[in-house]
Amino acid sequence: MAPFSKLALLALASSTDALLTNPMKTSNTGMAGLKDRAYVTRDIKTPDPVPVEGQEAALELMRTGRMYRYNVKDAEGSIVSQCEKEIADYTGFKYCVALNSCGSALMLLLKTTGLQPGGKVISNAFTFGAVPSAIEHANGKAVYVESDYNHVMDVADLENKLEANPDCKHVLVSHMRGKVADMDAIADVCEKHDAILLEDCAHSLGVMWQGKHTGHSGVACAISSQSYKMINSGEGGFLLTDDPSIAAKTAVYAGAYEGLASKHLTVPGPEHFEGLPVKLPNYSVRMSALSAAVIRPQILTLEERIEKYNSRYAELCAKLEDRVGDMLTIPVNTPGVSRPVHDSLQFNLDKEFTPDMVQVFLNECADHGLPVELFGHKSNARNFVNWGFAPAEDPLPMTGEMLSRACDVRMPLMWDEEDFEDMANVIVESLEVALASGEI
């Protein structure tokens, strides 16, 4: 237990005055001053702002009215096509198609790689509800693989699920919160079972696996520009691949009809589009020029922002492990991750924490200005029990146990260093109150 005696913790938990907060004061001394609790005053959902260049480019588009990606003379004059090229260059892919959301990109990953109606798609049991939603959107049937305490796919269970489902030909691995599983082992298992490997990189823009950007272990991947991702256009996504067939089909599905593929810079040649606009429907899920305009300058600042995020994350983790390392564990990066991107914090509460104690911790954090999310909460869209549209048919005890104590905290780029001091103090003090509540 932390540096406080059981008697002191009991006194704290039983004292009404000790739980009073002062929003105008914070403390860097933990629970030493019982009436001096830390308090977070900043908005945890503060997104990264759009650089001035993006604001001006969007305003110019509104002045001209040319917000439709194909309302340009040629590919070189298209802001969306230029954005696709810059994303492709950053991630190291040959082809890139910009879409209205990452959910659309995930759905098209499946459609363009031959998923048939009712076809099984194996994916993480721990991910955001948009992933099983995309499987359902593509008329597939989700089969879930256990996730471990490092919040990544369990490779042994993946093999078990492929053996139990020999008719499954698609594996969609989600790098939830930027956490990457052993992709070399996963690729080997997929090859062994003749399954197509796809990657959901919505949370892993900038994350490197074995020296390459995530997404290259499979045949194609999707990234996101939704508001809380590393690039922010409110909504948006990109499908990335080196496969010309997948790229051509994606462009047509997205809405490149009547030869409009010629206004792309990062799709294959016309021979790969032959007959596709007649064979495939137009889902009209293109990215608008407005979204691309605000994304482009953010690509230029990715490396600087990643360095800042990772530095802050390392400092925050060191403080938590030093002060309350016996009360929580922080997921460890899989060997092979050559560069992580930590724009948020996840940790697992110790198994000593009962459900009631977990709730006390969450309440204490919230009461002190820090919304901490529990992945296993009954209303959390990242909890597989809430996916009634694509329910799990097999028990998932490892994932369920992990989610019951797995916590999630954003780390807004626009916060100042002292705000993260407050965050650390609120987490520490709230953990100590929660632990004491279970000892009364």
Foldseek 3Di string as FASTA:
>chain_A
DFPDDLVVLLVLLPDPQLLDEDLVADDLPFCPPSNHHFFFDDDLLDFDDFDPQLVVVLVVCVVVVQFAQLPDDAQVPGLQQVLQVLLCVQQVFQFKAKFQALLLLLLLVCVLVDADQAAEEEEALFAFLSNVVSCVVNNYAYAHAFAALLRFGDLVRVLVVCVVCLRHAHYEYECHQQFYDPLVSNLVSNVVSNHFYFYECQNNVVWDFLRGGPGVSGQKYKYWQDRRHLHHLNHIMMIGGRDQLSRLLSVLQLPCPPPNCRSHDRHDDPVSNPPNNVVHDHNNGHRISSSSSSRVVSSVCSVVLQVVQVVLQVVLVVLCCVRPVVFKAFNDHDPRGPGTRRQKGKIFGDPVQDLVLLVQLQVQLVVRHFHKDQCLDPPHSSRQVPPPVRHHPDDHVNRNVSSSGMIIGGRHSPDDSVSSSSVSSSNSNSNSNSVSVVVD
